[in-house]
Amino acid sequence: MPTQTQHLKKAKENESLAATMNLAVPAASDWAITMLFYAAVHYVEAFFSKAGQHLKRHKLRVNAIQANPRLRPIYLDYRELQTYSETARYQAVFFTAADVVPVRRHLESVKKLVVPLL
Protein backbone atom coordinates (compact mmCIF):
# COMPACT_ATOMS: atom_id res chain seq x y z
CA MET A 1 0.00 0.00 0.00
CA PRO A 2 1.45 3.42 -0.93
CA THR A 3 2.39 5.71 1.91
CA GLN A 4 1.05 9.19 2.52
CA THR A 5 4.39 10.59 1.32
CA GLN A 6 4.21 8.59 -1.90
CA HIS A 7 0.66 9.78 -2.58
CA LEU A 8 1.66 13.40 -1.98
CA LYS A 9 4.64 13.06 -4.27
CA LYS A 10 2.46 11.57 -7.01
CA ALA A 11 -0.16 14.31 -6.55
CA LYS A 12 2.44 17.05 -6.89
CA GLU A 13 4.06 15.38 -9.91
CA ASN A 14 0.70 15.08 -11.70
CA GLU A 15 -0.11 18.68 -10.90
CA SER A 16 3.32 19.89 -12.04
CA LEU A 17 3.18 17.96 -15.29
CA ALA A 18 -0.29 19.34 -16.04
CA ALA A 19 1.11 22.86 -15.55
CA THR A 20 3.80 22.24 -18.17
CA MET A 21 1.38 21.14 -20.91
CA ASN A 22 1.21 23.33 -23.98
CA LEU A 23 -2.55 23.81 -23.99
CA ALA A 24 -2.46 25.17 -27.53
CA VAL A 25 -1.73 21.63 -28.73
CA PRO A 26 -4.87 19.62 -29.53
CA ALA A 27 -5.64 17.03 -26.83
CA ALA A 28 -3.21 18.63 -24.34
CA SER A 29 -6.07 20.14 -22.37
CA ASP A 30 -7.73 16.72 -22.14
CA TRP A 31 -4.58 15.24 -20.66
CA ALA A 32 -4.03 18.20 -18.32
CA ILE A 33 -7.58 17.75 -17.00
CA THR A 34 -6.96 14.05 -16.47
CA MET A 35 -3.69 14.74 -14.63
CA LEU A 36 -5.40 17.29 -12.39
CA PHE A 37 -8.08 14.76 -11.48
CA TYR A 38 -5.43 12.17 -10.63
CA ALA A 39 -3.63 14.75 -8.51
CA ALA A 40 -6.88 15.06 -6.54
CA VAL A 41 -7.09 11.26 -6.30
CA HIS A 42 -3.65 11.17 -4.71
CA TYR A 43 -4.35 14.05 -2.30
CA VAL A 44 -7.45 12.19 -1.11
CA GLU A 45 -5.58 8.89 -0.97
CA ALA A 46 -2.90 10.60 1.15
CA PHE A 47 -5.65 11.53 3.61
CA PHE A 48 -7.02 8.00 3.76
CA SER A 49 -3.57 6.40 3.93
CA LYS A 50 -3.08 8.21 7.24
CA ALA A 51 -5.76 5.86 8.63
CA GLY A 52 -4.33 2.83 6.82
CA GLN A 53 -7.00 2.87 4.12
CA HIS A 54 -6.44 2.42 0.41
CA LEU A 55 -9.44 2.89 -1.85
CA LYS A 56 -8.65 1.12 -5.10
CA ARG A 57 -11.84 2.01 -6.94
CA HIS A 58 -13.19 5.44 -7.83
CA LYS A 59 -16.70 4.58 -6.59
CA LEU A 60 -15.35 3.53 -3.18
CA ARG A 61 -13.30 6.73 -2.92
CA VAL A 62 -16.24 8.97 -3.85
CA ASN A 63 -18.44 7.21 -1.28
CA ALA A 64 -15.72 7.55 1.36
CA ILE A 65 -15.36 11.28 0.65
CA GLN A 66 -19.09 11.78 0.97
CA ALA A 67 -19.26 9.70 4.17
CA ASN A 68 -16.32 11.41 5.89
CA PRO A 69 -17.41 14.60 7.68
CA ARG A 70 -13.95 16.13 7.25
CA LEU A 71 -13.88 15.53 3.47
CA ARG A 72 -17.55 16.03 2.67
CA PRO A 73 -17.01 19.75 1.87
CA ILE A 74 -14.90 18.76 -1.18
CA TYR A 75 -17.33 16.16 -2.48
CA LEU A 76 -18.75 18.38 -5.26
CA ASP A 77 -15.32 19.64 -6.32
CA TYR A 78 -13.97 16.11 -6.44
CA ARG A 79 -16.97 14.89 -8.46
CA GLU A 80 -16.53 17.77 -10.92
CA LEU A 81 -12.88 16.83 -11.38
CA GLN A 82 -13.90 13.23 -11.95
CA THR A 83 -16.60 14.19 -14.44
CA TYR A 84 -14.25 16.41 -16.43
CA SER A 85 -11.65 13.64 -16.48
CA GLU A 86 -14.11 10.96 -17.56
CA THR A 87 -15.46 13.23 -20.27
CA ALA A 88 -11.92 13.93 -21.50
CA ARG A 89 -11.02 10.25 -21.52
CA TYR A 90 -14.16 8.54 -22.76
CA GLN A 91 -16.17 10.98 -24.82
CA ALA A 92 -15.30 12.68 -28.08
CA VAL A 93 -15.20 16.07 -26.39
CA PHE A 94 -12.16 18.23 -26.96
CA PHE A 95 -11.40 20.65 -24.19
CA THR A 96 -9.57 23.95 -24.57
CA ALA A 97 -7.16 25.85 -22.37
CA ALA A 98 -10.12 27.85 -21.02
CA ASP A 99 -11.77 24.61 -19.88
CA VAL A 100 -8.75 23.78 -17.72
CA VAL A 101 -9.27 26.90 -15.57
CA PRO A 102 -12.29 25.65 -13.59
CA VAL A 103 -10.66 22.25 -13.24
CA ARG A 104 -7.65 23.88 -11.57
CA ARG A 105 -10.03 25.74 -9.23
CA HIS A 106 -11.70 22.47 -8.21
CA LEU A 107 -8.29 20.95 -7.49
CA GLU A 108 -7.30 24.00 -5.43
CA SER A 109 -10.45 23.51 -3.32
CA VAL A 110 -9.52 19.88 -2.73
CA LYS A 111 -5.96 20.78 -1.76
CA LYS A 112 -7.03 23.67 0.47
CA LEU A 113 -9.12 21.29 2.56
CA VAL A 114 -7.05 18.09 2.42
CA VAL A 115 -3.44 19.25 2.82
CA PRO A 116 -3.95 20.81 6.30
CA LEU A 117 -5.53 17.53 7.44
CA LEU A 118 -2.40 15.54 6.60
C-alpha atoms as a PDB file:
ATOM      1  CA  MET A   1       0.000   0.000   0.000  1.00  0.00           C
ATOM      2  CA  PRO A   2       1.446   3.418  -0.932  1.00  0.00           C
ATOM      3  CA  THR A   3       2.387   5.707   1.909  1.00  0.00           C
ATOM      4  CA  GLN A   4       1.048   9.187   2.518  1.00  0.00           C
ATOM      5  CA  THR A   5       4.386  10.589   1.320  1.00  0.00           C
ATOM      6  CA  GLN A   6       4.208   8.587  -1.901  1.00  0.00           C
ATOM      7  CA  HIS A   7       0.664   9.775  -2.578  1.00  0.00           C
ATOM      8  CA  LEU A   8       1.656  13.398  -1.979  1.00  0.00           C
ATOM      9  CA  LYS A   9       4.642  13.056  -4.274  1.00  0.00           C
ATOM     10  CA  LYS A  10       2.463  11.570  -7.010  1.00  0.00           C
ATOM     11  CA  ALA A  11      -0.165  14.306  -6.555  1.00  0.00           C
ATOM     12  CA  LYS A  12       2.441  17.049  -6.893  1.00  0.00           C
ATOM     13  CA  GLU A  13       4.055  15.378  -9.911  1.00  0.00           C
ATOM     14  CA  ASN A  14       0.697  15.078 -11.696  1.00  0.00           C
ATOM     15  CA  GLU A  15      -0.107  18.682 -10.905  1.00  0.00           C
ATOM     16  CA  SER A  16       3.320  19.895 -12.044  1.00  0.00           C
ATOM     17  CA  LEU A  17       3.176  17.963 -15.290  1.00  0.00           C
ATOM     18  CA  ALA A  18      -0.293  19.345 -16.037  1.00  0.00           C
ATOM     19  CA  ALA A  19       1.111  22.855 -15.545  1.00  0.00           C
ATOM     20  CA  THR A  20       3.801  22.239 -18.175  1.00  0.00           C
ATOM     21  CA  MET A  21       1.378  21.139 -20.908  1.00  0.00           C
ATOM     22  CA  ASN A  22       1.208  23.334 -23.983  1.00  0.00           C
ATOM     23  CA  LEU A  23      -2.548  23.809 -23.986  1.00  0.00           C
ATOM     24  CA  ALA A  24      -2.457  25.165 -27.532  1.00  0.00           C
ATOM     25  CA  VAL A  25      -1.735  21.629 -28.729  1.00  0.00           C
ATOM     26  CA  PRO A  26      -4.869  19.623 -29.532  1.00  0.00           C
ATOM     27  CA  ALA A  27      -5.636  17.028 -26.833  1.00  0.00           C
ATOM     28  CA  ALA A  28      -3.206  18.626 -24.336  1.00  0.00           C
ATOM     29  CA  SER A  29      -6.073  20.144 -22.366  1.00  0.00           C
ATOM     30  CA  ASP A  30      -7.732  16.725 -22.142  1.00  0.00           C
ATOM     31  CA  TRP A  31      -4.583  15.240 -20.656  1.00  0.00           C
ATOM     32  CA  ALA A  32      -4.035  18.204 -18.318  1.00  0.00           C
ATOM     33  CA  ILE A  33      -7.579  17.752 -17.001  1.00  0.00           C
ATOM     34  CA  THR A  34      -6.961  14.051 -16.473  1.00  0.00           C
ATOM     35  CA  MET A  35      -3.695  14.736 -14.632  1.00  0.00           C
ATOM     36  CA  LEU A  36      -5.398  17.293 -12.387  1.00  0.00           C
ATOM     37  CA  PHE A  37      -8.075  14.762 -11.479  1.00  0.00           C
ATOM     38  CA  TYR A  38      -5.428  12.173 -10.633  1.00  0.00           C
ATOM     39  CA  ALA A  39      -3.631  14.754  -8.510  1.00  0.00           C
ATOM     40  CA  ALA A  40      -6.882  15.064  -6.539  1.00  0.00           C
ATOM     41  CA  VAL A  41      -7.092  11.260  -6.299  1.00  0.00           C
ATOM     42  CA  HIS A  42      -3.647  11.172  -4.710  1.00  0.00           C
ATOM     43  CA  TYR A  43      -4.347  14.047  -2.304  1.00  0.00           C
ATOM     44  CA  VAL A  44      -7.448  12.194  -1.110  1.00  0.00           C
ATOM     45  CA  GLU A  45      -5.578   8.887  -0.967  1.00  0.00           C
ATOM     46  CA  ALA A  46      -2.897  10.596   1.146  1.00  0.00           C
ATOM     47  CA  PHE A  47      -5.646  11.528   3.607  1.00  0.00           C
ATOM     48  CA  PHE A  48      -7.020   8.003   3.760  1.00  0.00           C
ATOM     49  CA  SER A  49      -3.567   6.402   3.929  1.00  0.00           C
ATOM     50  CA  LYS A  50      -3.085   8.205   7.240  1.00  0.00           C
ATOM     51  CA  ALA A  51      -5.756   5.862   8.634  1.00  0.00           C
ATOM     52  CA  GLY A  52      -4.331   2.829   6.824  1.00  0.00           C
ATOM     53  CA  GLN A  53      -7.004   2.872   4.125  1.00  0.00           C
ATOM     54  CA  HIS A  54      -6.438   2.415   0.413  1.00  0.00           C
ATOM     55  CA  LEU A  55      -9.441   2.891  -1.847  1.00  0.00           C
ATOM     56  CA  LYS A  56      -8.654   1.115  -5.099  1.00  0.00           C
ATOM     57  CA  ARG A  57     -11.844   2.013  -6.940  1.00  0.00           C
ATOM     58  CA  HIS A  58     -13.189   5.442  -7.828  1.00  0.00           C
ATOM     59  CA  LYS A  59     -16.696   4.583  -6.589  1.00  0.00           C
ATOM     60  CA  LEU A  60     -15.349   3.534  -3.183  1.00  0.00           C
ATOM     61  CA  ARG A  61     -13.302   6.727  -2.923  1.00  0.00           C
ATOM     62  CA  VAL A  62     -16.244   8.966  -3.855  1.00  0.00           C
ATOM     63  CA  ASN A  63     -18.436   7.205  -1.282  1.00  0.00           C
ATOM     64  CA  ALA A  64     -15.721   7.551   1.357  1.00  0.00           C
ATOM     65  CA  ILE A  65     -15.356  11.282   0.651  1.00  0.00           C
ATOM     66  CA  GLN A  66     -19.091  11.777   0.971  1.00  0.00           C
ATOM     67  CA  ALA A  67     -19.261   9.704   4.174  1.00  0.00           C
ATOM     68  CA  ASN A  68     -16.324  11.413   5.891  1.00  0.00           C
ATOM     69  CA  PRO A  69     -17.411  14.604   7.680  1.00  0.00           C
ATOM     70  CA  ARG A  70     -13.953  16.131   7.245  1.00  0.00           C
ATOM     71  CA  LEU A  71     -13.880  15.527   3.474  1.00  0.00           C
ATOM     72  CA  ARG A  72     -17.554  16.031   2.672  1.00  0.00           C
ATOM     73  CA  PRO A  73     -17.008  19.749   1.866  1.00  0.00           C
ATOM     74  CA  ILE A  74     -14.897  18.760  -1.183  1.00  0.00           C
ATOM     75  CA  TYR A  75     -17.333  16.161  -2.485  1.00  0.00           C
ATOM     76  CA  LEU A  76     -18.750  18.375  -5.263  1.00  0.00           C
ATOM     77  CA  ASP A  77     -15.325  19.644  -6.316  1.00  0.00           C
ATOM     78  CA  TYR A  78     -13.972  16.110  -6.439  1.00  0.00           C
ATOM     79  CA  ARG A  79     -16.970  14.895  -8.459  1.00  0.00           C
ATOM     80  CA  GLU A  80     -16.532  17.773 -10.919  1.00  0.00           C
ATOM     81  CA  LEU A  81     -12.884  16.825 -11.378  1.00  0.00           C
ATOM     82  CA  GLN A  82     -13.897  13.230 -11.950  1.00  0.00           C
ATOM     83  CA  THR A  83     -16.603  14.186 -14.440  1.00  0.00           C
ATOM     84  CA  TYR A  84     -14.249  16.412 -16.425  1.00  0.00           C
ATOM     85  CA  SER A  85     -11.650  13.636 -16.478  1.00  0.00           C
ATOM     86  CA  GLU A  86     -14.108  10.955 -17.558  1.00  0.00           C
ATOM     87  CA  THR A  87     -15.458  13.230 -20.274  1.00  0.00           C
ATOM     88  CA  ALA A  88     -11.925  13.935 -21.503  1.00  0.00           C
ATOM     89  CA  ARG A  89     -11.016  10.250 -21.525  1.00  0.00           C
ATOM     90  CA  TYR A  90     -14.159   8.539 -22.761  1.00  0.00           C
ATOM     91  CA  GLN A  91     -16.173  10.982 -24.820  1.00  0.00           C
ATOM     92  CA  ALA A  92     -15.303  12.678 -28.080  1.00  0.00           C
ATOM     93  CA  VAL A  93     -15.203  16.073 -26.394  1.00  0.00           C
ATOM     94  CA  PHE A  94     -12.157  18.230 -26.957  1.00  0.00           C
ATOM     95  CA  PHE A  95     -11.397  20.648 -24.185  1.00  0.00           C
ATOM     96  CA  THR A  96      -9.572  23.952 -24.573  1.00  0.00           C
ATOM     97  CA  ALA A  97      -7.159  25.853 -22.369  1.00  0.00           C
ATOM     98  CA  ALA A  98     -10.122  27.847 -21.022  1.00  0.00           C
ATOM     99  CA  ASP A  99     -11.765  24.606 -19.878  1.00  0.00           C
ATOM    100  CA  VAL A 100      -8.751  23.780 -17.720  1.00  0.00           C
ATOM    101  CA  VAL A 101      -9.266  26.904 -15.572  1.00  0.00           C
ATOM    102  CA  PRO A 102     -12.293  25.651 -13.588  1.00  0.00           C
ATOM    103  CA  VAL A 103     -10.658  22.246 -13.241  1.00  0.00           C
ATOM    104  CA  ARG A 104      -7.650  23.880 -11.570  1.00  0.00           C
ATOM    105  CA  ARG A 105     -10.033  25.735  -9.227  1.00  0.00           C
ATOM    106  CA  HIS A 106     -11.696  22.466  -8.213  1.00  0.00           C
ATOM    107  CA  LEU A 107      -8.290  20.949  -7.485  1.00  0.00           C
ATOM    108  CA  GLU A 108      -7.304  23.998  -5.427  1.00  0.00           C
ATOM    109  CA  SER A 109     -10.448  23.513  -3.319  1.00  0.00           C
ATOM    110  CA  VAL A 110      -9.524  19.876  -2.733  1.00  0.00           C
ATOM    111  CA  LYS A 111      -5.958  20.779  -1.764  1.00  0.00           C
ATOM    112  CA  LYS A 112      -7.035  23.665   0.468  1.00  0.00           C
ATOM    113  CA  LEU A 113      -9.116  21.288   2.558  1.00  0.00           C
ATOM    114  CA  VAL A 114      -7.052  18.091   2.417  1.00  0.00           C
ATOM    115  CA  VAL A 115      -3.444  19.252   2.815  1.00  0.00           C
ATOM    116  CA  PRO A 116      -3.946  20.809   6.297  1.00  0.00           C
ATOM    117  CA  LEU A 117      -5.532  17.531   7.436  1.00  0.00           C
ATOM    118  CA  LEU A 118      -2.401  15.539   6.602  1.00  0.00           C
END
